[in-house]
């Protein structure tokens, strides 16, 4: 309840429209199949079609003369200019090098590595955590009206298993949060030896792990058993217990971690001359992508 009230206070401070705390009866009026002592209701919260959004952004970018280069890895970024000058940046790829006035680096699961190759500090490092999703059979699509989240615990790299109404009207639950042995392993065992060794060599990870063994033990059954995974969501939507469905493609979270093992739960943006490194963009990074972009451009323009 204390964390729920803290989220409410933060929402009010940030001007979230029509946010409201409701008791258990108010919760049932909004979501008749949900149970809880209290809830925070955000009537304007929703999801969007992210592939559709990305396609639209690419089309707009190209229409204004922009060029998109897919499958082009960035080896490093060098700064050109004096110590007090923004100068420009040289972006090196395996096939060429280009001088660019402003570079914004949003490197997904690789921001610490690209920053280090570009002469910047490696910390915060990225420790990958994978999250599983489960899509329920169509017969369960009307169980909830919107999005239902448990109250998150900021000590853990997950918002908790939540219930989401998808764009197509279906119902999805997830994700959990389990250490991934690959930064890009979205299927199968997801084992990558260099990525695994990087985690093992990270002192911050071991400090984090030492204090979170109980959480790891709690999350592991959900990886091995769909029934246990669904049961997490059924704690607050009991009618979901035992329904059928199928697993969806897992996601991997680029969890930024400090050397002392604490998780970075806010945005980290570093400036190096003409290059801006977005070192951490946690949830709701995708939801807030356009607002974040406006903020970054404001920094470049000196606003």
C-alpha atoms as a PDB file:
ATOM      1  CA  UNK A   1       0.000   0.000   0.000  1.00  0.00           C
ATOM      2  CA  UNK A   2       2.880   2.362   0.752  1.00  0.00           C
ATOM      3  CA  UNK A   3       4.386   1.776  -2.702  1.00  0.00           C
ATOM      4  CA  UNK A   4       0.955   2.197  -4.320  1.00  0.00           C
ATOM      5  CA  UNK A   5       0.497   5.571  -2.640  1.00  0.00           C
ATOM      6  CA  UNK A   6       4.016   6.593  -3.685  1.00  0.00           C
ATOM      7  CA  UNK A   7       3.175   5.837  -7.327  1.00  0.00           C
ATOM      8  CA  UNK A   8      -0.032   7.863  -6.948  1.00  0.00           C
ATOM      9  CA  UNK A   9       1.933  10.828  -5.563  1.00  0.00           C
ATOM     10  CA  UNK A  10       4.422  10.602  -8.445  1.00  0.00           C
ATOM     11  CA  UNK A  11       1.591  10.446 -10.986  1.00  0.00           C
ATOM     12  CA  UNK A  12      -0.006  13.567  -9.532  1.00  0.00           C
ATOM     13  CA  UNK A  13       3.341  15.390  -9.515  1.00  0.00           C
ATOM     14  CA  UNK A  14       3.810  14.558 -13.204  1.00  0.00           C
ATOM     15  CA  UNK A  15       0.317  15.603 -14.221  1.00  0.00           C
ATOM     16  CA  UNK A  16      -1.053  12.195 -15.219  1.00  0.00           C
ATOM     17  CA  UNK A  17      -4.671  12.998 -16.172  1.00  0.00           C
ATOM     18  CA  UNK A  18      -7.602  11.657 -14.139  1.00  0.00           C
ATOM     19  CA  UNK A  19      -5.453   9.318 -12.017  1.00  0.00           C
ATOM     20  CA  UNK A  20      -7.367   8.010  -8.980  1.00  0.00           C
ATOM     21  CA  UNK A  21      -6.893   5.704  -6.008  1.00  0.00           C
ATOM     22  CA  UNK A  22      -9.798   3.300  -5.572  1.00  0.00           C
ATOM     23  CA  UNK A  23     -10.662   0.796  -2.844  1.00  0.00           C
ATOM     24  CA  UNK A  24     -11.569  -2.850  -3.434  1.00  0.00           C
ATOM     25  CA  UNK A  25     -15.168  -1.976  -4.343  1.00  0.00           C
ATOM     26  CA  UNK A  26     -14.003   0.682  -6.786  1.00  0.00           C
ATOM     27  CA  UNK A  27     -11.621  -1.843  -8.322  1.00  0.00           C
ATOM     28  CA  UNK A  28     -14.477  -4.312  -8.874  1.00  0.00           C
ATOM     29  CA  UNK A  29     -16.523  -1.610 -10.619  1.00  0.00           C
ATOM     30  CA  UNK A  30     -13.700  -1.127 -13.131  1.00  0.00           C
ATOM     31  CA  UNK A  31     -12.519  -4.754 -13.413  1.00  0.00           C
ATOM     32  CA  UNK A  32     -15.164  -7.146 -12.155  1.00  0.00           C
ATOM     33  CA  UNK A  33     -12.813 -10.140 -12.223  1.00  0.00           C
ATOM     34  CA  UNK A  34      -9.933  -8.471 -10.365  1.00  0.00           C
ATOM     35  CA  UNK A  35      -9.225  -8.687  -6.646  1.00  0.00           C
ATOM     36  CA  UNK A  36      -7.165  -6.414  -4.446  1.00  0.00           C
ATOM     37  CA  UNK A  37      -7.136  -4.218  -1.369  1.00  0.00           C
ATOM     38  CA  UNK A  38      -6.855  -1.083  -3.472  1.00  0.00           C
ATOM     39  CA  UNK A  39      -5.776   0.015  -6.932  1.00  0.00           C
ATOM     40  CA  UNK A  40      -4.537   2.969  -8.895  1.00  0.00           C
ATOM     41  CA  UNK A  41      -6.799   3.683 -11.878  1.00  0.00           C
ATOM     42  CA  UNK A  42      -5.352   5.432 -14.921  1.00  0.00           C
ATOM     43  CA  UNK A  43      -8.234   5.659 -17.424  1.00  0.00           C
ATOM     44  CA  UNK A  44      -6.074   7.013 -20.262  1.00  0.00           C
ATOM     45  CA  UNK A  45      -3.415   4.298 -20.110  1.00  0.00           C
ATOM     46  CA  UNK A  46      -3.326   1.980 -23.111  1.00  0.00           C
ATOM     47  CA  UNK A  47      -1.007   0.124 -25.446  1.00  0.00           C
ATOM     48  CA  UNK A  48      -0.213   0.809 -29.081  1.00  0.00           C
ATOM     49  CA  UNK A  49       0.926  -1.120 -32.130  1.00  0.00           C
ATOM     50  CA  UNK A  50       4.707  -0.696 -31.836  1.00  0.00           C
ATOM     51  CA  UNK A  51       5.582  -2.271 -35.219  1.00  0.00           C
ATOM     52  CA  UNK A  52       3.000   0.040 -36.790  1.00  0.00           C
ATOM     53  CA  UNK A  53       4.447   3.049 -34.961  1.00  0.00           C
ATOM     54  CA  UNK A  54       7.969   2.159 -36.082  1.00  0.00           C
ATOM     55  CA  UNK A  55       6.886   1.735 -39.703  1.00  0.00           C
ATOM     56  CA  UNK A  56       5.184   5.139 -39.576  1.00  0.00           C
ATOM     57  CA  UNK A  57       8.272   6.822 -38.100  1.00  0.00           C
ATOM     58  CA  UNK A  58      10.498   5.292 -40.780  1.00  0.00           C
ATOM     59  CA  UNK A  59       8.099   6.498 -43.493  1.00  0.00           C
ATOM     60  CA  UNK A  60       8.081  10.042 -42.047  1.00  0.00           C
ATOM     61  CA  UNK A  61      11.859  10.038 -41.710  1.00  0.00           C
ATOM     62  CA  UNK A  62      12.389   8.955 -45.305  1.00  0.00           C
ATOM     63  CA  UNK A  63       9.815  11.444 -46.556  1.00  0.00           C
ATOM     64  CA  UNK A  64      11.921  14.221 -45.015  1.00  0.00           C
ATOM     65  CA  UNK A  65      15.119  13.020 -46.679  1.00  0.00           C
ATOM     66  CA  UNK A  66      16.367  10.664 -43.970  1.00  0.00           C
ATOM     67  CA  UNK A  67      18.182   7.416 -44.725  1.00  0.00           C
ATOM     68  CA  UNK A  68      17.751   4.203 -42.709  1.00  0.00           C
ATOM     69  CA  UNK A  69      20.540   1.626 -42.747  1.00  0.00           C
ATOM     70  CA  UNK A  70      19.556  -1.801 -41.454  1.00  0.00           C
ATOM     71  CA  UNK A  71      22.012  -4.580 -40.523  1.00  0.00           C
ATOM     72  CA  UNK A  72      24.835  -2.068 -40.149  1.00  0.00           C
ATOM     73  CA  UNK A  73      26.683  -2.559 -36.854  1.00  0.00           C
ATOM     74  CA  UNK A  74      28.445   0.419 -35.271  1.00  0.00           C
ATOM     75  CA  UNK A  75      32.042  -0.396 -34.301  1.00  0.00           C
ATOM     76  CA  UNK A  76      32.799   2.838 -32.435  1.00  0.00           C
ATOM     77  CA  UNK A  77      32.159   6.578 -32.316  1.00  0.00           C
ATOM     78  CA  UNK A  78      35.012   9.113 -32.123  1.00  0.00           C
ATOM     79  CA  UNK A  79      34.734  12.729 -31.024  1.00  0.00           C
ATOM     80  CA  UNK A  80      36.146  15.455 -33.247  1.00  0.00           C
ATOM     81  CA  UNK A  81      36.697  18.876 -31.720  1.00  0.00           C
ATOM     82  CA  UNK A  82      38.322  20.596 -28.751  1.00  0.00           C
ATOM     83  CA  UNK A  83      37.709  19.761 -25.073  1.00  0.00           C
ATOM     84  CA  UNK A  84      35.157  22.562 -24.756  1.00  0.00           C
ATOM     85  CA  UNK A  85      33.655  22.212 -28.211  1.00  0.00           C
ATOM     86  CA  UNK A  86      30.745  19.998 -29.207  1.00  0.00           C
ATOM     87  CA  UNK A  87      32.490  19.480 -32.542  1.00  0.00           C
ATOM     88  CA  UNK A  88      31.231  16.507 -34.507  1.00  0.00           C
ATOM     89  CA  UNK A  89      31.421  12.719 -34.343  1.00  0.00           C
ATOM     90  CA  UNK A  90      32.930  10.061 -36.584  1.00  0.00           C
ATOM     91  CA  UNK A  91      30.748   6.951 -36.732  1.00  0.00           C
ATOM     92  CA  UNK A  92      32.676   3.831 -37.729  1.00  0.00           C
ATOM     93  CA  UNK A  93      30.960   0.825 -39.322  1.00  0.00           C
ATOM     94  CA  UNK A  94      32.613  -2.252 -40.882  1.00  0.00           C
ATOM     95  CA  UNK A  95      32.279  -0.653 -44.336  1.00  0.00           C
ATOM     96  CA  UNK A  96      32.749   3.094 -43.842  1.00  0.00           C
ATOM     97  CA  UNK A  97      33.176   6.059 -41.507  1.00  0.00           C
ATOM     98  CA  UNK A  98      30.941   9.108 -41.531  1.00  0.00           C
ATOM     99  CA  UNK A  99      31.279  12.506 -39.905  1.00  0.00           C
ATOM    100  CA  UNK A 100      27.979  13.566 -38.305  1.00  0.00           C
ATOM    101  CA  UNK A 101      27.057  16.767 -36.462  1.00  0.00           C
ATOM    102  CA  UNK A 102      24.933  15.089 -33.779  1.00  0.00           C
ATOM    103  CA  UNK A 103      24.719  11.432 -32.799  1.00  0.00           C
ATOM    104  CA  UNK A 104      22.118   9.946 -30.465  1.00  0.00           C
ATOM    105  CA  UNK A 105      22.989   6.405 -29.411  1.00  0.00           C
ATOM    106  CA  UNK A 106      20.103   4.138 -28.379  1.00  0.00           C
ATOM    107  CA  UNK A 107      21.873   0.786 -28.526  1.00  0.00           C
ATOM    108  CA  UNK A 108      19.278  -1.539 -27.033  1.00  0.00           C
ATOM    109  CA  UNK A 109      21.061  -4.311 -25.159  1.00  0.00           C
ATOM    110  CA  UNK A 110      24.553  -3.077 -26.109  1.00  0.00           C
ATOM    111  CA  UNK A 111      24.899   0.500 -24.754  1.00  0.00           C
ATOM    112  CA  UNK A 112      27.711  -0.258 -22.292  1.00  0.00           C
ATOM    113  CA  UNK A 113      29.780  -2.064 -24.928  1.00  0.00           C
ATOM    114  CA  UNK A 114      29.384   0.614 -27.587  1.00  0.00           C
ATOM    115  CA  UNK A 115      30.160   3.334 -25.040  1.00  0.00           C
ATOM    116  CA  UNK A 116      33.317   1.508 -23.937  1.00  0.00           C
ATOM    117  CA  UNK A 117      34.447   1.031 -27.553  1.00  0.00           C
ATOM    118  CA  UNK A 118      33.914   4.767 -28.024  1.00  0.00           C
ATOM    119  CA  UNK A 119      36.186   5.716 -25.111  1.00  0.00           C
ATOM    120  CA  UNK A 120      33.445   6.253 -22.538  1.00  0.00           C
ATOM    121  CA  UNK A 121      32.936   4.600 -19.155  1.00  0.00           C
ATOM    122  CA  UNK A 122      31.529   1.072 -19.166  1.00  0.00           C
ATOM    123  CA  UNK A 123      29.241   1.567 -16.153  1.00  0.00           C
ATOM    124  CA  UNK A 124      26.383   1.245 -15.735  1.00  0.00           C
ATOM    125  CA  UNK A 125      26.759  -2.213 -17.247  1.00  0.00           C
ATOM    126  CA  UNK A 126      23.899  -4.152 -18.803  1.00  0.00           C
ATOM    127  CA  UNK A 127      22.776  -7.420 -17.225  1.00  0.00           C
ATOM    128  CA  UNK A 128      20.162  -9.109 -19.455  1.00  0.00           C
ATOM    129  CA  UNK A 129      16.977 -10.536 -17.941  1.00  0.00           C
ATOM    130  CA  UNK A 130      14.522 -12.418 -20.112  1.00  0.00           C
ATOM    131  CA  UNK A 131      10.782 -12.227 -19.656  1.00  0.00           C
ATOM    132  CA  UNK A 132       8.273 -14.806 -20.863  1.00  0.00           C
ATOM    133  CA  UNK A 133       4.812 -14.039 -22.199  1.00  0.00           C
ATOM    134  CA  UNK A 134       1.767 -16.275 -22.488  1.00  0.00           C
ATOM    135  CA  UNK A 135      -1.164 -15.606 -24.831  1.00  0.00           C
ATOM    136  CA  UNK A 136      -4.443 -16.990 -23.539  1.00  0.00           C
ATOM    137  CA  UNK A 137      -6.998 -18.798 -25.666  1.00  0.00           C
ATOM    138  CA  UNK A 138      -9.572 -16.547 -27.327  1.00  0.00           C
ATOM    139  CA  UNK A 139     -12.348 -17.699 -24.997  1.00  0.00           C
ATOM    140  CA  UNK A 140     -10.649 -15.748 -22.163  1.00  0.00           C
ATOM    141  CA  UNK A 141     -10.266 -12.469 -24.083  1.00  0.00           C
ATOM    142  CA  UNK A 142     -13.066 -10.675 -22.214  1.00  0.00           C
ATOM    143  CA  UNK A 143     -11.843 -11.569 -18.724  1.00  0.00           C
ATOM    144  CA  UNK A 144     -10.431  -8.066 -18.200  1.00  0.00           C
ATOM    145  CA  UNK A 145     -11.220  -4.677 -19.719  1.00  0.00           C
ATOM    146  CA  UNK A 146      -7.771  -3.115 -19.752  1.00  0.00           C
ATOM    147  CA  UNK A 147      -4.276  -3.478 -18.317  1.00  0.00           C
ATOM    148  CA  UNK A 148      -3.813  -4.846 -14.795  1.00  0.00           C
ATOM    149  CA  UNK A 149      -0.453  -4.621 -13.019  1.00  0.00           C
ATOM    150  CA  UNK A 150       0.638  -5.740  -9.564  1.00  0.00           C
ATOM    151  CA  UNK A 151       2.364  -3.057  -7.498  1.00  0.00           C
ATOM    152  CA  UNK A 152       6.036  -3.276  -8.577  1.00  0.00           C
ATOM    153  CA  UNK A 153       8.906  -3.686  -6.157  1.00  0.00           C
ATOM    154  CA  UNK A 154      11.770  -1.394  -7.238  1.00  0.00           C
ATOM    155  CA  UNK A 155      14.356  -3.852  -5.886  1.00  0.00           C
ATOM    156  CA  UNK A 156      13.601  -6.314  -8.699  1.00  0.00           C
ATOM    157  CA  UNK A 157      14.156  -6.019 -12.488  1.00  0.00           C
ATOM    158  CA  UNK A 158      10.497  -6.537 -13.345  1.00  0.00           C
ATOM    159  CA  UNK A 159       7.126  -4.868 -13.034  1.00  0.00           C
ATOM    160  CA  UNK A 160       5.699  -8.272 -12.151  1.00  0.00           C
ATOM    161  CA  UNK A 161       3.521 -10.584 -14.226  1.00  0.00           C
ATOM    162  CA  UNK A 162       0.696  -8.405 -15.527  1.00  0.00           C
ATOM    163  CA  UNK A 163      -2.374  -8.809 -17.709  1.00  0.00           C
ATOM    164  CA  UNK A 164      -2.559  -6.960 -21.030  1.00  0.00           C
ATOM    165  CA  UNK A 165      -5.352  -6.554 -23.575  1.00  0.00           C
ATOM    166  CA  UNK A 166      -3.578  -6.783 -26.919  1.00  0.00           C
ATOM    167  CA  UNK A 167      -4.185  -4.686 -30.037  1.00  0.00           C
ATOM    168  CA  UNK A 168      -5.990  -7.647 -31.609  1.00  0.00           C
ATOM    169  CA  UNK A 169      -8.318  -7.947 -28.584  1.00  0.00           C
ATOM    170  CA  UNK A 170      -6.597 -11.030 -27.171  1.00  0.00           C
ATOM    171  CA  UNK A 171      -5.268 -11.398 -23.656  1.00  0.00           C
ATOM    172  CA  UNK A 172      -1.599 -11.743 -22.740  1.00  0.00           C
ATOM    173  CA  UNK A 173       0.119 -12.236 -19.397  1.00  0.00           C
ATOM    174  CA  UNK A 174       3.751 -11.675 -18.474  1.00  0.00           C
ATOM    175  CA  UNK A 175       6.572 -11.101 -18.153  1.00  0.00           C
ATOM    176  CA  UNK A 176       8.514 -12.727 -15.374  1.00  0.00           C
ATOM    177  CA  UNK A 177      12.181 -11.777 -14.932  1.00  0.00           C
ATOM    178  CA  UNK A 178      14.966 -14.361 -15.058  1.00  0.00           C
ATOM    179  CA  UNK A 179      18.673 -13.953 -15.751  1.00  0.00           C
ATOM    180  CA  UNK A 180      19.354 -14.414 -19.470  1.00  0.00           C
ATOM    181  CA  UNK A 181      22.512 -16.130 -20.696  1.00  0.00           C
ATOM    182  CA  UNK A 182      22.403 -14.072 -23.885  1.00  0.00           C
ATOM    183  CA  UNK A 183      21.694 -10.448 -24.695  1.00  0.00           C
ATOM    184  CA  UNK A 184      19.979 -11.370 -27.953  1.00  0.00           C
ATOM    185  CA  UNK A 185      18.776 -14.956 -27.368  1.00  0.00           C
ATOM    186  CA  UNK A 186      15.040 -14.741 -27.911  1.00  0.00           C
ATOM    187  CA  UNK A 187      14.432 -18.443 -28.550  1.00  0.00           C
ATOM    188  CA  UNK A 188      15.579 -21.830 -27.286  1.00  0.00           C
ATOM    189  CA  UNK A 189      18.181 -21.961 -24.535  1.00  0.00           C
ATOM    190  CA  UNK A 190      19.430 -18.509 -25.442  1.00  0.00           C
ATOM    191  CA  UNK A 191      22.997 -19.415 -24.477  1.00  0.00           C
ATOM    192  CA  UNK A 192      25.803 -17.116 -25.579  1.00  0.00           C
ATOM    193  CA  UNK A 193      29.203 -17.863 -24.032  1.00  0.00           C
ATOM    194  CA  UNK A 194      30.699 -14.321 -24.246  1.00  0.00           C
ATOM    195  CA  UNK A 195      27.523 -12.783 -22.809  1.00  0.00           C
ATOM    196  CA  UNK A 196      27.443 -15.345 -19.986  1.00  0.00           C
ATOM    197  CA  UNK A 197      31.097 -14.736 -19.138  1.00  0.00           C
ATOM    198  CA  UNK A 198      30.483 -10.984 -19.116  1.00  0.00           C
ATOM    199  CA  UNK A 199      27.757 -11.413 -16.494  1.00  0.00           C
ATOM    200  CA  UNK A 200      29.979 -13.736 -14.455  1.00  0.00           C
ATOM    201  CA  UNK A 201      32.764 -11.146 -14.501  1.00  0.00           C
ATOM    202  CA  UNK A 202      30.496  -8.291 -13.396  1.00  0.00           C
ATOM    203  CA  UNK A 203      31.025  -7.614  -9.660  1.00  0.00           C
ATOM    204  CA  UNK A 204      27.788  -5.689  -9.510  1.00  0.00           C
ATOM    205  CA  UNK A 205      25.818  -8.752 -10.607  1.00  0.00           C
ATOM    206  CA  UNK A 206      27.182 -10.911  -7.795  1.00  0.00           C
ATOM    207  CA  UNK A 207      26.337  -8.253  -5.234  1.00  0.00           C
ATOM    208  CA  UNK A 208      22.833  -8.084  -6.677  1.00  0.00           C
ATOM    209  CA  UNK A 209      22.493 -11.892  -6.768  1.00  0.00           C
ATOM    210  CA  UNK A 210      23.575 -12.259  -3.157  1.00  0.00           C
ATOM    211  CA  UNK A 211      20.564 -10.279  -2.020  1.00  0.00           C
ATOM    212  CA  UNK A 212      18.026 -11.762  -4.439  1.00  0.00           C
ATOM    213  CA  UNK A 213      18.342 -15.540  -4.220  1.00  0.00           C
ATOM    214  CA  UNK A 214      14.812 -15.812  -2.813  1.00  0.00           C
ATOM    215  CA  UNK A 215      13.396 -13.909  -5.783  1.00  0.00           C
ATOM    216  CA  UNK A 216      15.267 -16.106  -8.246  1.00  0.00           C
ATOM    217  CA  UNK A 217      13.850 -19.199  -6.562  1.00  0.00           C
ATOM    218  CA  UNK A 218      10.354 -17.700  -6.809  1.00  0.00           C
ATOM    219  CA  UNK A 219      10.680 -16.881 -10.524  1.00  0.00           C
ATOM    220  CA  UNK A 220      12.228 -20.181 -11.650  1.00  0.00           C
ATOM    221  CA  UNK A 221       9.056 -22.331 -11.373  1.00  0.00           C
ATOM    222  CA  UNK A 222       7.310 -19.967 -13.795  1.00  0.00           C
ATOM    223  CA  UNK A 223      10.031 -20.655 -16.366  1.00  0.00           C
ATOM    224  CA  UNK A 224       9.569 -24.407 -16.102  1.00  0.00           C
ATOM    225  CA  UNK A 225       5.798 -24.561 -15.695  1.00  0.00           C
ATOM    226  CA  UNK A 226       3.127 -22.636 -17.614  1.00  0.00           C
ATOM    227  CA  UNK A 227       0.651 -23.388 -14.834  1.00  0.00           C
ATOM    228  CA  UNK A 228       2.891 -21.723 -12.226  1.00  0.00           C
ATOM    229  CA  UNK A 229       3.448 -18.789 -14.570  1.00  0.00           C
ATOM    230  CA  UNK A 230      -0.299 -18.243 -15.078  1.00  0.00           C
ATOM    231  CA  UNK A 231      -0.834 -18.625 -11.324  1.00  0.00           C
ATOM    232  CA  UNK A 232       1.124 -15.397 -10.739  1.00  0.00           C
ATOM    233  CA  UNK A 233      -1.492 -13.423 -12.691  1.00  0.00           C
ATOM    234  CA  UNK A 234      -4.317 -15.427 -11.084  1.00  0.00           C
ATOM    235  CA  UNK A 235      -3.336 -13.999  -7.702  1.00  0.00           C
ATOM    236  CA  UNK A 236      -5.221 -10.810  -8.628  1.00  0.00           C
ATOM    237  CA  UNK A 237      -7.416 -12.147 -11.478  1.00  0.00           C
ATOM    238  CA  UNK A 238      -8.503 -15.528 -10.037  1.00  0.00           C
ATOM    239  CA  UNK A 239     -10.555 -16.550 -13.073  1.00  0.00           C
ATOM    240  CA  UNK A 240      -7.319 -16.840 -15.069  1.00  0.00           C
ATOM    241  CA  UNK A 241      -6.224 -19.886 -13.079  1.00  0.00           C
ATOM    242  CA  UNK A 242      -5.623 -22.856 -15.357  1.00  0.00           C
ATOM    243  CA  UNK A 243      -6.653 -21.445 -18.781  1.00  0.00           C
ATOM    244  CA  UNK A 244      -5.093 -22.668 -21.992  1.00  0.00           C
ATOM    245  CA  UNK A 245      -2.971 -20.803 -24.457  1.00  0.00           C
ATOM    246  CA  UNK A 246       0.551 -20.697 -25.838  1.00  0.00           C
ATOM    247  CA  UNK A 247       3.889 -19.073 -25.135  1.00  0.00           C
ATOM    248  CA  UNK A 248       4.883 -15.980 -27.121  1.00  0.00           C
ATOM    249  CA  UNK A 249       8.375 -14.836 -28.096  1.00  0.00           C
ATOM    250  CA  UNK A 250      10.294 -13.848 -24.983  1.00  0.00           C
ATOM    251  CA  UNK A 251      11.603 -10.364 -24.425  1.00  0.00           C
ATOM    252  CA  UNK A 252      14.997  -9.411 -23.012  1.00  0.00           C
ATOM    253  CA  UNK A 253      15.361  -6.437 -20.736  1.00  0.00           C
ATOM    254  CA  UNK A 254      18.570  -4.399 -20.832  1.00  0.00           C
ATOM    255  CA  UNK A 255      18.819  -3.948 -17.073  1.00  0.00           C
ATOM    256  CA  UNK A 256      21.413  -1.326 -16.171  1.00  0.00           C
ATOM    257  CA  UNK A 257      23.323  -2.104 -12.991  1.00  0.00           C
ATOM    258  CA  UNK A 258      25.805  -0.147 -10.884  1.00  0.00           C
ATOM    259  CA  UNK A 259      29.040  -1.625  -9.534  1.00  0.00           C
ATOM    260  CA  UNK A 260      27.499  -1.922  -6.076  1.00  0.00           C
ATOM    261  CA  UNK A 261      24.779  -4.219  -7.443  1.00  0.00           C
ATOM    262  CA  UNK A 262      21.901  -1.743  -7.292  1.00  0.00           C
ATOM    263  CA  UNK A 263      19.565  -1.503 -10.268  1.00  0.00           C
ATOM    264  CA  UNK A 264      19.288   1.719 -12.238  1.00  0.00           C
ATOM    265  CA  UNK A 265      15.560   2.408 -12.463  1.00  0.00           C
ATOM    266  CA  UNK A 266      15.722   5.805 -14.153  1.00  0.00           C
ATOM    267  CA  UNK A 267      16.950   7.127 -17.476  1.00  0.00           C
ATOM    268  CA  UNK A 268      20.724   7.588 -17.856  1.00  0.00           C
ATOM    269  CA  UNK A 269      21.825   9.995 -20.603  1.00  0.00           C
ATOM    270  CA  UNK A 270      25.525  10.860 -21.017  1.00  0.00           C
ATOM    271  CA  UNK A 271      26.963  13.524 -23.309  1.00  0.00           C
ATOM    272  CA  UNK A 272      30.340  13.134 -25.008  1.00  0.00           C
ATOM    273  CA  UNK A 273      30.939  16.024 -27.383  1.00  0.00           C
ATOM    274  CA  UNK A 274      28.527  15.694 -30.289  1.00  0.00           C
ATOM    275  CA  UNK A 275      27.404  12.244 -29.143  1.00  0.00           C
ATOM    276  CA  UNK A 276      24.622  11.544 -26.693  1.00  0.00           C
ATOM    277  CA  UNK A 277      24.530   8.055 -25.164  1.00  0.00           C
ATOM    278  CA  UNK A 278      21.159   6.840 -23.872  1.00  0.00           C
ATOM    279  CA  UNK A 279      22.635   4.403 -21.346  1.00  0.00           C
ATOM    280  CA  UNK A 280      19.390   3.260 -19.760  1.00  0.00           C
ATOM    281  CA  UNK A 281      15.788   3.577 -20.939  1.00  0.00           C
ATOM    282  CA  UNK A 282      13.653   1.447 -18.610  1.00  0.00           C
ATOM    283  CA  UNK A 283       9.938   0.884 -18.836  1.00  0.00           C
ATOM    284  CA  UNK A 284       8.062   2.888 -19.988  1.00  0.00           C
ATOM    285  CA  UNK A 285      10.821   3.658 -22.471  1.00  0.00           C
ATOM    286  CA  UNK A 286       8.854   2.460 -25.486  1.00  0.00           C
ATOM    287  CA  UNK A 287       5.604   4.097 -24.382  1.00  0.00           C
ATOM    288  CA  UNK A 288       7.460   7.371 -23.779  1.00  0.00           C
ATOM    289  CA  UNK A 289       9.700   7.161 -26.863  1.00  0.00           C
ATOM    290  CA  UNK A 290       8.381  10.297 -28.564  1.00  0.00           C
ATOM    291  CA  UNK A 291       8.531  12.345 -25.353  1.00  0.00           C
ATOM    292  CA  UNK A 292      12.089  11.120 -24.736  1.00  0.00           C
ATOM    293  CA  UNK A 293      13.007  12.112 -28.290  1.00  0.00           C
ATOM    294  CA  UNK A 294      11.683  15.636 -27.690  1.00  0.00           C
ATOM    295  CA  UNK A 295      13.756  15.828 -24.493  1.00  0.00           C
ATOM    296  CA  UNK A 296      16.938  14.736 -26.290  1.00  0.00           C
ATOM    297  CA  UNK A 297      16.437  17.221 -29.104  1.00  0.00           C
ATOM    298  CA  UNK A 298      15.833  19.897 -26.483  1.00  0.00           C
ATOM    299  CA  UNK A 299      19.237  19.113 -24.962  1.00  0.00           C
ATOM    300  CA  UNK A 300      20.907  19.364 -28.365  1.00  0.00           C
ATOM    301  CA  UNK A 301      19.167  22.693 -29.042  1.00  0.00           C
ATOM    302  CA  UNK A 302      20.172  23.992 -25.606  1.00  0.00           C
ATOM    303  CA  UNK A 303      16.631  24.277 -24.314  1.00  0.00           C
END
